[in-house]
Amino acid sequence: MTLASDLEARRRVLARALPSVPFDGWTPRLLATAVSAAGFDELDQRRLFPAGVADLVDFYLDEADQEMLRGLAAYDLEAMRVRERIAAAVRLRLQQAAPRREVVRRTVAYQSLPGRGPRAARGLYRTVDRIWRAAGDRATDFNFYTKRGLLAGVYASTLLVWLNDTSAQFEETQGFLDRRIDDVMRIERWRGRLEGLGRRLPSPWSVLGRFRHGVGRRAA
């Protein structure tokens, strides 16, 4: 099969799997049943999902990211401030997931099990990286990593609030997200000020050097 046909095959399997995830969770049996229901055999399963269920979960998350990016294409992001772009992306991601909130809950539970942390972290990083890129981030220095680390915390905590939000139109989640993004923007502003101050201050090593030499001259 070609890459395009493999992608379509994975989508067919995922479509068969998703309705059962809220009841069965992400299990090898679920994968095998979905593969069969999609018209494939065990050899196809090994090719399409070589790491088994972990690959199916990863594909589900990647597809959710892609759906978010397609949705964001309809937004006038250029007319928004950065914080508004980030908030819009996270809100859209959750809105699109709302019809399958129990799938998301099962996914979080699956990723929380021992041994799955590294792969879960990679999936979270991929999501926040795509959000920052969609928001127009072009950082290539240390800011690249700090921005993603901060947003990862915001996204993960907002997701947990959303999973337990019973308010109308997820108002509690919206308020929580706005507060967390405000916190991130505040941190970014303070860090920018500190970095600017650091560029204006003399090197601490040169100050210490002058102090050392000055003491030496006075002692002489």
Protein backbone atom coordinates (compact mmCIF):
# COMPACT_ATOMS: atom_id res chain seq x y z
CA MET A 1 0.00 0.00 0.00
CA THR A 2 1.00 3.63 -0.48
CA LEU A 3 1.40 6.12 2.35
CA ALA A 4 -1.91 7.70 1.38
CA SER A 5 -3.75 4.40 1.41
CA ASP A 6 -2.14 3.46 4.74
CA LEU A 7 -3.36 6.76 6.19
CA GLU A 8 -6.87 6.06 4.96
CA ALA A 9 -6.67 2.53 6.38
CA ARG A 10 -5.66 3.87 9.79
CA ARG A 11 -8.57 6.29 9.67
CA ARG A 12 -10.96 3.45 8.91
CA VAL A 13 -9.68 1.46 11.87
CA LEU A 14 -9.87 4.49 14.19
CA ALA A 15 -13.45 5.17 13.07
CA ARG A 16 -14.40 1.61 14.03
CA ALA A 17 -12.59 1.85 17.35
CA LEU A 18 -13.82 5.20 18.69
CA PRO A 19 -17.46 4.21 19.45
CA SER A 20 -16.23 1.41 21.74
CA VAL A 21 -13.46 3.30 23.55
CA PRO A 22 -15.79 4.83 26.19
CA PHE A 23 -16.91 1.33 27.21
CA ASP A 24 -13.80 -0.81 26.65
CA GLY A 25 -10.92 1.66 26.87
CA TRP A 26 -7.84 1.44 24.67
CA THR A 27 -7.05 -2.30 24.68
CA PRO A 28 -5.45 -4.85 22.33
CA ARG A 29 -8.84 -6.50 21.94
CA LEU A 30 -10.37 -3.17 20.89
CA LEU A 31 -7.67 -2.73 18.26
CA ALA A 32 -8.07 -6.26 16.90
CA THR A 33 -11.85 -5.89 16.71
CA ALA A 34 -11.60 -2.51 14.96
CA VAL A 35 -9.05 -3.84 12.46
CA SER A 36 -11.34 -6.73 11.59
CA ALA A 37 -14.41 -4.49 11.36
CA ALA A 38 -12.51 -2.21 8.98
CA GLY A 39 -11.85 -5.17 6.68
CA PHE A 40 -8.21 -5.83 7.50
CA ASP A 41 -6.31 -8.80 8.91
CA GLU A 42 -3.57 -9.35 11.48
CA LEU A 43 -0.78 -8.65 9.00
CA ASP A 44 -2.40 -5.33 8.14
CA GLN A 45 -2.63 -4.53 11.84
CA ARG A 46 1.09 -5.11 12.31
CA ARG A 47 1.90 -2.83 9.40
CA LEU A 48 -0.52 -0.07 10.29
CA PHE A 49 0.07 -0.12 14.05
CA PRO A 50 3.42 -1.81 14.71
CA ALA A 51 3.40 -0.75 18.39
CA GLY A 52 -0.18 -1.93 18.81
CA VAL A 53 -2.66 0.10 20.83
CA ALA A 54 -0.04 2.76 21.62
CA ASP A 55 0.15 3.56 17.91
CA LEU A 56 -3.63 3.71 17.65
CA VAL A 57 -3.83 6.18 20.55
CA ASP A 58 -1.03 8.25 19.05
CA PHE A 59 -2.83 8.30 15.70
CA TYR A 60 -6.06 9.41 17.38
CA LEU A 61 -4.26 12.33 19.04
CA ASP A 62 -2.52 13.28 15.81
CA GLU A 63 -5.82 13.28 13.94
CA ALA A 64 -7.33 15.52 16.64
CA ASP A 65 -4.42 17.93 16.18
CA GLN A 66 -4.95 17.99 12.43
CA GLU A 67 -8.66 18.66 12.87
CA MET A 68 -7.76 21.59 15.14
CA LEU A 69 -5.37 23.03 12.55
CA ARG A 70 -7.97 22.72 9.80
CA GLY A 71 -10.46 24.54 12.00
CA LEU A 72 -7.99 27.30 12.82
CA ALA A 73 -7.54 27.97 9.11
CA ALA A 74 -10.98 29.63 9.18
CA TYR A 75 -9.88 32.08 11.92
CA ASP A 76 -8.40 35.51 11.22
CA LEU A 77 -5.42 34.82 13.47
CA GLU A 78 -3.48 37.80 12.12
CA ALA A 79 -6.07 40.13 13.64
CA MET A 80 -5.64 38.56 17.09
CA ARG A 81 -3.08 39.11 19.80
CA VAL A 82 -0.86 36.14 20.61
CA ARG A 83 -2.74 35.27 23.80
CA GLU A 84 -6.03 35.32 21.83
CA ARG A 85 -4.59 32.98 19.21
CA ILE A 86 -3.44 30.52 21.88
CA ALA A 87 -6.77 30.67 23.71
CA ALA A 88 -8.69 30.20 20.45
CA ALA A 89 -6.65 27.12 19.55
CA VAL A 90 -7.12 25.45 22.93
CA ARG A 91 -10.83 26.26 22.96
CA LEU A 92 -11.26 24.86 19.46
CA ARG A 93 -9.40 21.68 20.39
CA LEU A 94 -11.76 21.11 23.32
CA GLN A 95 -14.89 22.06 21.35
CA GLN A 96 -14.02 19.53 18.67
CA ALA A 97 -13.41 16.87 21.34
CA ALA A 98 -16.66 17.58 23.23
CA PRO A 99 -18.80 14.99 21.39
CA ARG A 100 -16.29 12.33 22.47
CA ARG A 101 -15.39 13.55 25.93
CA GLU A 102 -15.43 9.98 27.30
CA VAL A 103 -12.87 9.00 24.68
CA VAL A 104 -10.64 11.80 25.93
CA ARG A 105 -11.16 10.63 29.51
CA ARG A 106 -10.18 7.08 28.55
CA THR A 107 -7.16 8.42 26.69
CA VAL A 108 -5.94 10.36 29.73
CA ALA A 109 -6.42 7.24 31.86
CA TYR A 110 -4.51 5.12 29.35
CA GLN A 111 -1.61 7.58 29.18
CA SER A 112 -1.44 7.81 32.98
CA LEU A 113 -0.55 4.14 33.41
CA PRO A 114 3.05 3.22 34.34
CA GLY A 115 5.48 3.15 31.43
CA ARG A 116 3.42 5.37 29.16
CA GLY A 117 4.70 8.72 30.39
CA PRO A 118 7.36 9.30 27.69
CA ARG A 119 4.96 8.66 24.82
CA ALA A 120 2.24 10.75 26.47
CA ALA A 121 4.74 13.60 26.90
CA ARG A 122 5.67 13.43 23.21
CA GLY A 123 2.01 13.63 22.24
CA LEU A 124 1.43 16.63 24.51
CA TYR A 125 4.54 18.35 23.16
CA ARG A 126 3.36 17.80 19.60
CA THR A 127 0.00 19.39 20.36
CA VAL A 128 1.39 22.51 22.06
CA ASP A 129 4.09 22.87 19.41
CA ARG A 130 1.41 22.90 16.72
CA ILE A 131 -0.61 25.47 18.67
CA TRP A 132 2.39 27.79 19.01
CA ARG A 133 3.26 27.41 15.33
CA ALA A 134 -0.34 28.11 14.31
CA ALA A 135 -0.17 31.21 16.53
CA GLY A 136 2.81 32.41 14.49
CA ASP A 137 5.63 31.61 16.90
CA ARG A 138 9.00 31.72 15.15
CA ALA A 139 11.26 31.38 18.18
CA THR A 140 14.44 29.37 17.67
CA ASP A 141 16.25 30.14 20.93
CA PHE A 142 15.58 28.98 24.48
CA ASN A 143 12.16 30.67 24.28
CA PHE A 144 11.10 27.92 21.90
CA TYR A 145 11.23 25.38 24.73
CA THR A 146 10.02 27.57 27.57
CA LYS A 147 6.92 28.63 25.60
CA ARG A 148 6.03 25.04 24.90
CA GLY A 149 6.69 24.00 28.46
CA LEU A 150 4.43 26.73 29.81
CA LEU A 151 1.65 25.94 27.34
CA ALA A 152 1.92 22.22 28.09
CA GLY A 153 1.10 23.00 31.72
CA VAL A 154 -1.81 25.23 30.70
CA TYR A 155 -3.22 22.71 28.23
CA ALA A 156 -2.90 19.68 30.53
CA SER A 157 -4.47 21.43 33.53
CA THR A 158 -7.26 22.92 31.39
CA LEU A 159 -7.99 19.49 29.93
CA LEU A 160 -8.45 18.03 33.41
CA VAL A 161 -10.80 20.87 34.38
CA TRP A 162 -12.75 20.38 31.15
CA LEU A 163 -13.19 16.66 31.78
CA ASN A 164 -14.99 17.42 35.04
CA ASP A 165 -16.77 20.61 34.00
CA THR A 166 -20.55 20.43 34.38
CA SER A 167 -21.20 24.15 33.84
CA ALA A 168 -23.21 25.46 30.91
CA GLN A 169 -21.11 25.79 27.74
CA PHE A 170 -18.05 24.78 29.79
CA GLU A 171 -17.92 28.24 31.34
CA GLU A 172 -15.71 27.07 34.22
CA THR A 173 -13.17 25.74 31.74
CA GLN A 174 -13.22 28.97 29.74
CA GLY A 175 -12.53 31.02 32.84
CA PHE A 176 -9.79 28.69 34.00
CA LEU A 177 -8.11 28.79 30.59
CA ASP A 178 -8.19 32.59 30.48
CA ARG A 179 -6.59 32.84 33.92
CA ARG A 180 -3.85 30.36 33.08
CA ILE A 181 -3.00 32.11 29.81
CA ASP A 182 -2.90 35.43 31.66
CA ASP A 183 -0.38 33.80 34.02
CA VAL A 184 1.75 32.66 31.10
CA MET A 185 1.69 36.07 29.45
CA ARG A 186 2.66 37.66 32.77
CA ILE A 187 5.62 35.31 33.08
CA GLU A 188 6.65 36.09 29.50
CA ARG A 189 6.53 39.83 30.16
CA TRP A 190 8.61 39.58 33.32
CA ARG A 191 11.12 37.33 31.65
CA GLY A 192 11.44 39.78 28.77
CA ARG A 193 12.09 42.60 31.22
CA LEU A 194 14.68 40.58 33.08
CA GLU A 195 16.42 39.62 29.85
CA GLY A 196 16.47 43.28 28.77
CA LEU A 197 17.88 44.31 32.13
CA GLY A 198 20.47 41.58 31.87
CA ARG A 199 21.66 42.93 28.53
CA ARG A 200 22.09 46.41 30.00
CA LEU A 201 23.97 45.29 33.09
CA PRO A 202 27.72 44.63 32.98
CA SER A 203 28.93 41.07 33.11
CA PRO A 204 29.14 39.85 36.74
CA TRP A 205 32.49 38.30 35.90
CA SER A 206 33.94 41.64 34.75
CA VAL A 207 32.59 43.33 37.89
CA LEU A 208 34.21 40.71 40.09
CA GLY A 209 37.42 41.03 38.09
CA ARG A 210 37.55 44.80 38.62
CA PHE A 211 36.77 44.38 42.28
CA ARG A 212 39.55 41.82 42.66
CA HIS A 213 42.09 43.99 40.89
CA GLY A 214 40.98 47.06 42.81
CA VAL A 215 41.45 45.29 46.12
CA GLY A 216 44.85 44.14 45.00
CA ARG A 217 45.95 47.71 44.16
CA ARG A 218 44.71 49.07 47.48
CA ALA A 219 46.47 46.31 49.36
CA ALA A 220 49.70 47.11 47.54
